[in-house]
Amino acid sequence: MRSEWLKITTVRSLCAALALVFVATVGFTVLANATMTEEVRTGDDFDPLYASFAGLAMGQIAAICFGAMAVAAEYRTRGIGLSLAAVPRRRVLYTAKLTVIGVSALLVGLATSAVCFFTAQSLLGAEGVGVLSPGAPRAIVGGGLYLALTTVFAAALTVLLRSGPLVMGILIPFLIMVSFVFGGPGETGFLEFLPDHAGQQILLQNPSGTLGPWGGLGVQVLWVAVAVRAGLAGVLRRDA
């Protein structure tokens, strides 16, 4: 576990990717809320709580990059062989790696979520909501959990596919295209069961559909669990 922490904290590209999760999410959230028109803020379908996480689309891209990069480097440089020599029990190594990646993303995600909320609400003014408003504490915590789960999802898929660029090339366009074509969270039908739409239900003040906020996050957890299990199968069955 200690060696995995060292990898995260000493590799500049990983530190930069993790920092970018915070910078991108907060930056785009500030930009979106600062330039939001009065007409949008006072509209019937405006969700002041979800507006706090307007930059999450950019933040999740950085989270995917961090998760993929944290794993891919070892496969690219064949360093995974050295890691397995030091820790022959593959299940233990895999668990430690994903745990460190997930905890790192969770800590940054929670800080990011809190800063986004308070910054956005200060910009929204009278149209905003307070920290104790219905759904606000849940959304602040949920934003951090969403980013952490997205990171672990990308990391597990990278272990399975052994290619960071491939995972980024699949997940990033998928998340962007689905949201662009079909809309964001709150859509019903099969869309609410996709990992990003399901997970973001927790950010809505009044989630629609059948899942609800925690049910949606639970669906995202199931997606991540499947990816983690598939990654473990790959680690146990394939050569380094």
C-alpha atoms as a PDB file:
ATOM      1  CA  MET A   1       0.000   0.000   0.000  1.00  0.00           C
ATOM      2  CA  ARG A   2       2.846   2.389   0.852  1.00  0.00           C
ATOM      3  CA  SER A   3       4.514   1.860  -2.513  1.00  0.00           C
ATOM      4  CA  GLU A   4       1.247   2.637  -4.300  1.00  0.00           C
ATOM      5  CA  TRP A   5       0.926   5.912  -2.367  1.00  0.00           C
ATOM      6  CA  LEU A   6       4.482   6.799  -3.372  1.00  0.00           C
ATOM      7  CA  LYS A   7       3.664   6.228  -7.036  1.00  0.00           C
ATOM      8  CA  ILE A   8       0.684   8.570  -6.845  1.00  0.00           C
ATOM      9  CA  THR A   9       2.454  11.329  -4.921  1.00  0.00           C
ATOM     10  CA  THR A  10       5.823  11.297  -6.687  1.00  0.00           C
ATOM     11  CA  VAL A  11       4.876  11.003 -10.364  1.00  0.00           C
ATOM     12  CA  ARG A  12       4.314  14.528 -11.658  1.00  0.00           C
ATOM     13  CA  SER A  13       1.889  13.586 -14.392  1.00  0.00           C
ATOM     14  CA  LEU A  14      -0.371  11.814 -11.895  1.00  0.00           C
ATOM     15  CA  CYS A  15      -0.276  14.745  -9.482  1.00  0.00           C
ATOM     16  CA  ALA A  16      -1.085  17.077 -12.369  1.00  0.00           C
ATOM     17  CA  ALA A  17      -4.010  14.927 -13.512  1.00  0.00           C
ATOM     18  CA  LEU A  18      -5.394  14.774  -9.985  1.00  0.00           C
ATOM     19  CA  ALA A  19      -5.026  18.535  -9.578  1.00  0.00           C
ATOM     20  CA  LEU A  20      -6.767  19.008 -12.912  1.00  0.00           C
ATOM     21  CA  VAL A  21      -9.855  17.269 -11.525  1.00  0.00           C
ATOM     22  CA  PHE A  22     -10.175  20.119  -9.030  1.00  0.00           C
ATOM     23  CA  VAL A  23      -9.155  22.941 -11.352  1.00  0.00           C
ATOM     24  CA  ALA A  24     -11.321  21.875 -14.296  1.00  0.00           C
ATOM     25  CA  THR A  25     -14.435  21.188 -12.252  1.00  0.00           C
ATOM     26  CA  VAL A  26     -14.255  24.368 -10.193  1.00  0.00           C
ATOM     27  CA  GLY A  27     -13.150  26.512 -13.123  1.00  0.00           C
ATOM     28  CA  PHE A  28     -15.962  25.485 -15.451  1.00  0.00           C
ATOM     29  CA  THR A  29     -18.501  25.646 -12.630  1.00  0.00           C
ATOM     30  CA  VAL A  30     -17.508  29.247 -11.911  1.00  0.00           C
ATOM     31  CA  LEU A  31     -17.594  30.116 -15.609  1.00  0.00           C
ATOM     32  CA  ALA A  32     -21.030  28.570 -16.125  1.00  0.00           C
ATOM     33  CA  ASN A  33     -22.619  30.247 -13.121  1.00  0.00           C
ATOM     34  CA  ALA A  34     -20.943  33.621 -13.644  1.00  0.00           C
ATOM     35  CA  THR A  35     -22.220  33.847 -17.219  1.00  0.00           C
ATOM     36  CA  MET A  36     -25.674  32.391 -16.560  1.00  0.00           C
ATOM     37  CA  THR A  37     -28.489  34.672 -17.671  1.00  0.00           C
ATOM     38  CA  GLU A  38     -31.329  35.794 -15.420  1.00  0.00           C
ATOM     39  CA  GLU A  39     -33.768  34.042 -17.721  1.00  0.00           C
ATOM     40  CA  VAL A  40     -32.091  30.687 -17.097  1.00  0.00           C
ATOM     41  CA  ARG A  41     -31.857  31.230 -13.337  1.00  0.00           C
ATOM     42  CA  THR A  42     -35.546  32.003 -13.001  1.00  0.00           C
ATOM     43  CA  GLY A  43     -36.758  29.295 -15.386  1.00  0.00           C
ATOM     44  CA  ASP A  44     -39.154  26.612 -14.187  1.00  0.00           C
ATOM     45  CA  ASP A  45     -36.707  23.799 -14.956  1.00  0.00           C
ATOM     46  CA  PHE A  46     -33.671  25.453 -13.343  1.00  0.00           C
ATOM     47  CA  ASP A  47     -31.992  23.310 -10.682  1.00  0.00           C
ATOM     48  CA  PRO A  48     -29.810  25.539  -8.455  1.00  0.00           C
ATOM     49  CA  LEU A  49     -28.294  22.493  -6.794  1.00  0.00           C
ATOM     50  CA  TYR A  50     -27.188  20.821 -10.013  1.00  0.00           C
ATOM     51  CA  ALA A  51     -25.860  24.183 -11.209  1.00  0.00           C
ATOM     52  CA  SER A  52     -23.236  23.841  -8.477  1.00  0.00           C
ATOM     53  CA  PHE A  53     -21.706  21.001 -10.469  1.00  0.00           C
ATOM     54  CA  ALA A  54     -21.876  22.497 -13.944  1.00  0.00           C
ATOM     55  CA  GLY A  55     -18.173  21.801 -14.421  1.00  0.00           C
ATOM     56  CA  LEU A  56     -18.429  18.126 -13.542  1.00  0.00           C
ATOM     57  CA  ALA A  57     -18.318  17.106 -17.196  1.00  0.00           C
ATOM     58  CA  MET A  58     -14.787  18.496 -17.441  1.00  0.00           C
ATOM     59  CA  GLY A  59     -13.813  17.154 -14.042  1.00  0.00           C
ATOM     60  CA  GLN A  60     -14.855  13.619 -14.883  1.00  0.00           C
ATOM     61  CA  ILE A  61     -12.682  13.698 -17.995  1.00  0.00           C
ATOM     62  CA  ALA A  62      -9.704  14.573 -15.795  1.00  0.00           C
ATOM     63  CA  ALA A  63     -10.752  11.815 -13.373  1.00  0.00           C
ATOM     64  CA  ILE A  64     -10.794   9.273 -16.196  1.00  0.00           C
ATOM     65  CA  CYS A  65      -7.343  10.405 -17.299  1.00  0.00           C
ATOM     66  CA  PHE A  66      -5.996  10.121 -13.754  1.00  0.00           C
ATOM     67  CA  GLY A  67      -7.438   6.638 -13.246  1.00  0.00           C
ATOM     68  CA  ALA A  68      -6.133   5.380 -16.576  1.00  0.00           C
ATOM     69  CA  MET A  69      -2.694   6.967 -16.214  1.00  0.00           C
ATOM     70  CA  ALA A  70      -2.240   5.663 -12.671  1.00  0.00           C
ATOM     71  CA  VAL A  71      -2.394   2.113 -14.021  1.00  0.00           C
ATOM     72  CA  ALA A  72      -1.198   2.357 -17.621  1.00  0.00           C
ATOM     73  CA  ALA A  73       2.362   3.488 -16.898  1.00  0.00           C
ATOM     74  CA  GLU A  74       3.272   0.174 -15.275  1.00  0.00           C
ATOM     75  CA  TYR A  75       2.041  -1.809 -18.256  1.00  0.00           C
ATOM     76  CA  ARG A  76       3.666   0.513 -20.765  1.00  0.00           C
ATOM     77  CA  THR A  77       7.092   0.302 -19.107  1.00  0.00           C
ATOM     78  CA  ARG A  78       6.710  -3.335 -18.016  1.00  0.00           C
ATOM     79  CA  GLY A  79       7.016  -2.112 -14.447  1.00  0.00           C
ATOM     80  CA  ILE A  80       4.124  -4.368 -13.503  1.00  0.00           C
ATOM     81  CA  GLY A  81       6.589  -7.257 -13.490  1.00  0.00           C
ATOM     82  CA  LEU A  82       8.636  -5.577 -10.771  1.00  0.00           C
ATOM     83  CA  SER A  83       5.503  -4.856  -8.771  1.00  0.00           C
ATOM     84  CA  LEU A  84       4.474  -8.502  -8.962  1.00  0.00           C
ATOM     85  CA  ALA A  85       7.958  -9.583  -7.934  1.00  0.00           C
ATOM     86  CA  ALA A  86       7.661  -7.394  -4.842  1.00  0.00           C
ATOM     87  CA  VAL A  87       4.056  -8.442  -4.168  1.00  0.00           C
ATOM     88  CA  PRO A  88       3.502 -11.898  -5.717  1.00  0.00           C
ATOM     89  CA  ARG A  89      -0.101 -12.062  -4.510  1.00  0.00           C
ATOM     90  CA  ARG A  90      -1.833 -10.455  -7.448  1.00  0.00           C
ATOM     91  CA  ARG A  91      -5.154  -9.975  -5.716  1.00  0.00           C
ATOM     92  CA  VAL A  92      -3.459  -8.005  -2.922  1.00  0.00           C
ATOM     93  CA  LEU A  93      -1.533  -5.835  -5.383  1.00  0.00           C
ATOM     94  CA  TYR A  94      -4.642  -5.130  -7.443  1.00  0.00           C
ATOM     95  CA  THR A  95      -6.708  -4.270  -4.381  1.00  0.00           C
ATOM     96  CA  ALA A  96      -4.018  -1.964  -2.999  1.00  0.00           C
ATOM     97  CA  LYS A  97      -3.639  -0.185  -6.324  1.00  0.00           C
ATOM     98  CA  LEU A  98      -7.341   0.494  -6.790  1.00  0.00           C
ATOM     99  CA  THR A  99      -7.778   1.445  -3.133  1.00  0.00           C
ATOM    100  CA  VAL A 100      -5.065   4.095  -3.304  1.00  0.00           C
ATOM    101  CA  ILE A 101      -6.369   5.426  -6.611  1.00  0.00           C
ATOM    102  CA  GLY A 102      -9.920   5.539  -5.280  1.00  0.00           C
ATOM    103  CA  VAL A 103      -9.066   7.173  -1.953  1.00  0.00           C
ATOM    104  CA  SER A 104      -6.921   9.801  -3.697  1.00  0.00           C
ATOM    105  CA  ALA A 105      -9.756  10.627  -6.061  1.00  0.00           C
ATOM    106  CA  LEU A 106     -12.293  10.663  -3.226  1.00  0.00           C
ATOM    107  CA  LEU A 107     -10.323  13.171  -1.151  1.00  0.00           C
ATOM    108  CA  VAL A 108      -9.862  15.481  -4.119  1.00  0.00           C
ATOM    109  CA  GLY A 109     -13.448  14.882  -5.217  1.00  0.00           C
ATOM    110  CA  LEU A 110     -14.949  15.851  -1.869  1.00  0.00           C
ATOM    111  CA  ALA A 111     -12.866  19.027  -1.730  1.00  0.00           C
ATOM    112  CA  THR A 112     -13.815  19.817  -5.322  1.00  0.00           C
ATOM    113  CA  SER A 113     -17.499  19.218  -4.684  1.00  0.00           C
ATOM    114  CA  ALA A 114     -17.574  21.440  -1.599  1.00  0.00           C
ATOM    115  CA  VAL A 115     -15.735  24.313  -3.290  1.00  0.00           C
ATOM    116  CA  CYS A 116     -18.000  24.063  -6.337  1.00  0.00           C
ATOM    117  CA  PHE A 117     -21.129  24.213  -4.203  1.00  0.00           C
ATOM    118  CA  PHE A 118     -20.192  27.222  -2.115  1.00  0.00           C
ATOM    119  CA  THR A 119     -18.710  29.122  -5.052  1.00  0.00           C
ATOM    120  CA  ALA A 120     -21.675  28.495  -7.324  1.00  0.00           C
ATOM    121  CA  GLN A 121     -24.236  29.407  -4.689  1.00  0.00           C
ATOM    122  CA  SER A 122     -22.460  32.671  -3.963  1.00  0.00           C
ATOM    123  CA  LEU A 123     -22.703  33.496  -7.668  1.00  0.00           C
ATOM    124  CA  LEU A 124     -26.368  32.502  -7.914  1.00  0.00           C
ATOM    125  CA  GLY A 125     -27.352  34.823  -5.081  1.00  0.00           C
ATOM    126  CA  ALA A 126     -31.083  34.848  -4.372  1.00  0.00           C
ATOM    127  CA  GLU A 127     -31.688  31.972  -6.797  1.00  0.00           C
ATOM    128  CA  GLY A 128     -29.242  29.737  -4.918  1.00  0.00           C
ATOM    129  CA  VAL A 129     -29.772  27.288  -2.068  1.00  0.00           C
ATOM    130  CA  GLY A 130     -28.177  26.966   1.369  1.00  0.00           C
ATOM    131  CA  VAL A 131     -25.878  24.208   2.534  1.00  0.00           C
ATOM    132  CA  LEU A 132     -28.658  22.778   4.718  1.00  0.00           C
ATOM    133  CA  SER A 133     -31.306  22.938   1.999  1.00  0.00           C
ATOM    134  CA  PRO A 134     -32.939  19.630   1.032  1.00  0.00           C
ATOM    135  CA  GLY A 135     -30.510  17.596  -1.035  1.00  0.00           C
ATOM    136  CA  ALA A 136     -27.512  19.908  -0.593  1.00  0.00           C
ATOM    137  CA  PRO A 137     -25.452  17.808   1.879  1.00  0.00           C
ATOM    138  CA  ARG A 138     -26.248  14.702  -0.158  1.00  0.00           C
ATOM    139  CA  ALA A 139     -25.109  16.369  -3.386  1.00  0.00           C
ATOM    140  CA  ILE A 140     -21.856  17.665  -1.888  1.00  0.00           C
ATOM    141  CA  VAL A 141     -20.906  14.196  -0.666  1.00  0.00           C
ATOM    142  CA  GLY A 142     -22.282  12.596  -3.799  1.00  0.00           C
ATOM    143  CA  GLY A 143     -20.155  14.756  -6.068  1.00  0.00           C
ATOM    144  CA  GLY A 144     -17.010  13.443  -4.414  1.00  0.00           C
ATOM    145  CA  LEU A 145     -18.255   9.863  -4.576  1.00  0.00           C
ATOM    146  CA  TYR A 146     -19.157  10.247  -8.243  1.00  0.00           C
ATOM    147  CA  LEU A 147     -15.676  11.444  -9.184  1.00  0.00           C
ATOM    148  CA  ALA A 148     -14.034   8.675  -7.138  1.00  0.00           C
ATOM    149  CA  LEU A 149     -16.195   5.969  -8.715  1.00  0.00           C
ATOM    150  CA  THR A 150     -15.498   7.330 -12.189  1.00  0.00           C
ATOM    151  CA  THR A 151     -11.770   7.203 -11.457  1.00  0.00           C
ATOM    152  CA  VAL A 152     -11.863   3.608 -10.203  1.00  0.00           C
ATOM    153  CA  PHE A 153     -13.998   2.614 -13.197  1.00  0.00           C
ATOM    154  CA  ALA A 154     -11.335   3.957 -15.566  1.00  0.00           C
ATOM    155  CA  ALA A 155      -8.508   2.353 -13.576  1.00  0.00           C
ATOM    156  CA  ALA A 156     -10.171  -1.074 -13.541  1.00  0.00           C
ATOM    157  CA  LEU A 157     -10.849  -0.940 -17.282  1.00  0.00           C
ATOM    158  CA  THR A 158      -7.222   0.022 -17.868  1.00  0.00           C
ATOM    159  CA  VAL A 159      -6.076  -3.046 -15.939  1.00  0.00           C
ATOM    160  CA  LEU A 160      -8.404  -5.157 -18.075  1.00  0.00           C
ATOM    161  CA  LEU A 161      -7.421  -3.635 -21.430  1.00  0.00           C
ATOM    162  CA  ARG A 162      -3.805  -2.775 -20.479  1.00  0.00           C
ATOM    163  CA  SER A 163      -3.960   0.503 -22.351  1.00  0.00           C
ATOM    164  CA  GLY A 164      -4.607   3.928 -20.906  1.00  0.00           C
ATOM    165  CA  PRO A 165      -5.103   5.653 -24.280  1.00  0.00           C
ATOM    166  CA  LEU A 166      -7.605   2.982 -25.309  1.00  0.00           C
ATOM    167  CA  VAL A 167      -9.673   3.432 -22.150  1.00  0.00           C
ATOM    168  CA  MET A 168      -9.586   7.220 -22.445  1.00  0.00           C
ATOM    169  CA  GLY A 169     -10.477   6.906 -26.122  1.00  0.00           C
ATOM    170  CA  ILE A 170     -13.545   4.846 -25.213  1.00  0.00           C
ATOM    171  CA  LEU A 171     -14.848   6.510 -22.061  1.00  0.00           C
ATOM    172  CA  ILE A 172     -14.308  10.199 -22.809  1.00  0.00           C
ATOM    173  CA  PRO A 173     -16.079  10.280 -26.209  1.00  0.00           C
ATOM    174  CA  PHE A 174     -18.821   8.039 -24.798  1.00  0.00           C
ATOM    175  CA  LEU A 175     -19.562  10.371 -21.891  1.00  0.00           C
ATOM    176  CA  ILE A 176     -19.446  13.464 -24.079  1.00  0.00           C
ATOM    177  CA  MET A 177     -21.524  12.051 -26.934  1.00  0.00           C
ATOM    178  CA  VAL A 178     -24.244  10.504 -24.773  1.00  0.00           C
ATOM    179  CA  SER A 179     -24.784  13.724 -22.816  1.00  0.00           C
ATOM    180  CA  PHE A 180     -24.630  15.853 -25.965  1.00  0.00           C
ATOM    181  CA  VAL A 181     -27.094  13.731 -27.930  1.00  0.00           C
ATOM    182  CA  PHE A 182     -29.497  12.566 -25.230  1.00  0.00           C
ATOM    183  CA  GLY A 183     -29.111  15.153 -22.470  1.00  0.00           C
ATOM    184  CA  GLY A 184     -27.823  15.071 -18.917  1.00  0.00           C
ATOM    185  CA  PRO A 185     -29.096  13.349 -15.767  1.00  0.00           C
ATOM    186  CA  GLY A 186     -32.808  13.376 -15.214  1.00  0.00           C
ATOM    187  CA  GLU A 187     -33.597  11.633 -18.499  1.00  0.00           C
ATOM    188  CA  THR A 188     -35.708   8.504 -18.173  1.00  0.00           C
ATOM    189  CA  GLY A 189     -35.580   5.143 -19.930  1.00  0.00           C
ATOM    190  CA  PHE A 190     -32.373   3.241 -20.527  1.00  0.00           C
ATOM    191  CA  LEU A 191     -30.297   6.404 -20.124  1.00  0.00           C
ATOM    192  CA  GLU A 192     -30.810   6.555 -16.368  1.00  0.00           C
ATOM    193  CA  PHE A 193     -29.066   3.194 -16.029  1.00  0.00           C
ATOM    194  CA  LEU A 194     -25.857   4.330 -17.726  1.00  0.00           C
ATOM    195  CA  PRO A 195     -23.050   4.893 -15.194  1.00  0.00           C
ATOM    196  CA  ASP A 196     -22.721   8.655 -15.611  1.00  0.00           C
ATOM    197  CA  HIS A 197     -26.444   9.422 -15.756  1.00  0.00           C
ATOM    198  CA  ALA A 198     -27.175   7.119 -12.824  1.00  0.00           C
ATOM    199  CA  GLY A 199     -24.373   8.496 -10.672  1.00  0.00           C
ATOM    200  CA  GLN A 200     -25.313  12.111 -11.305  1.00  0.00           C
ATOM    201  CA  GLN A 201     -28.853  11.586 -10.004  1.00  0.00           C
ATOM    202  CA  ILE A 202     -27.420  12.327  -6.571  1.00  0.00           C
ATOM    203  CA  LEU A 203     -26.578  15.872  -7.692  1.00  0.00           C
ATOM    204  CA  LEU A 204     -30.153  16.797  -8.588  1.00  0.00           C
ATOM    205  CA  GLN A 205     -32.418  18.586  -6.152  1.00  0.00           C
ATOM    206  CA  ASN A 206     -35.462  16.621  -7.305  1.00  0.00           C
ATOM    207  CA  PRO A 207     -34.280  13.538  -9.231  1.00  0.00           C
ATOM    208  CA  SER A 208     -36.742  12.124 -11.740  1.00  0.00           C
ATOM    209  CA  GLY A 209     -37.062   8.574 -12.993  1.00  0.00           C
ATOM    210  CA  THR A 210     -37.164   5.351 -11.026  1.00  0.00           C
ATOM    211  CA  LEU A 211     -33.753   5.274  -9.357  1.00  0.00           C
ATOM    212  CA  GLY A 212     -33.630   8.268  -7.048  1.00  0.00           C
ATOM    213  CA  PRO A 213     -30.363   9.793  -5.790  1.00  0.00           C
ATOM    214  CA  TRP A 214     -28.925   6.856  -3.843  1.00  0.00           C
ATOM    215  CA  GLY A 215     -30.402   4.277  -6.189  1.00  0.00           C
ATOM    216  CA  GLY A 216     -28.661   6.013  -9.067  1.00  0.00           C
ATOM    217  CA  LEU A 217     -25.365   6.000  -7.224  1.00  0.00           C
ATOM    218  CA  GLY A 218     -25.954   2.324  -6.476  1.00  0.00           C
ATOM    219  CA  VAL A 219     -26.275   1.613 -10.195  1.00  0.00           C
ATOM    220  CA  GLN A 220     -22.970   3.379 -10.799  1.00  0.00           C
ATOM    221  CA  VAL A 221     -21.405   1.271  -8.031  1.00  0.00           C
ATOM    222  CA  LEU A 222     -22.624  -1.863  -9.828  1.00  0.00           C
ATOM    223  CA  TRP A 223     -20.979  -0.716 -13.064  1.00  0.00           C
ATOM    224  CA  VAL A 224     -17.740  -0.101 -11.195  1.00  0.00           C
ATOM    225  CA  ALA A 225     -17.977  -3.455  -9.399  1.00  0.00           C
ATOM    226  CA  VAL A 226     -18.307  -5.281 -12.721  1.00  0.00           C
ATOM    227  CA  ALA A 227     -15.278  -3.431 -14.103  1.00  0.00           C
ATOM    228  CA  VAL A 228     -13.261  -4.148 -10.951  1.00  0.00           C
ATOM    229  CA  ARG A 229     -14.159  -7.838 -11.109  1.00  0.00           C
ATOM    230  CA  ALA A 230     -13.239  -8.012 -14.792  1.00  0.00           C
ATOM    231  CA  GLY A 231      -9.932  -6.288 -14.090  1.00  0.00           C
ATOM    232  CA  LEU A 232      -9.169  -8.756 -11.311  1.00  0.00           C
ATOM    233  CA  ALA A 233      -9.903 -11.674 -13.618  1.00  0.00           C
ATOM    234  CA  GLY A 234      -7.448 -10.236 -16.115  1.00  0.00           C
ATOM    235  CA  VAL A 235      -4.764  -9.803 -13.462  1.00  0.00           C
ATOM    236  CA  LEU A 236      -5.152 -13.363 -12.179  1.00  0.00           C
ATOM    237  CA  ARG A 237      -5.267 -15.115 -15.548  1.00  0.00           C
ATOM    238  CA  ARG A 238      -2.798 -13.244 -17.732  1.00  0.00           C
ATOM    239  CA  ASP A 239       0.967 -12.957 -17.633  1.00  0.00           C
ATOM    240  CA  ALA A 240       2.565  -9.688 -16.554  1.00  0.00           C
END
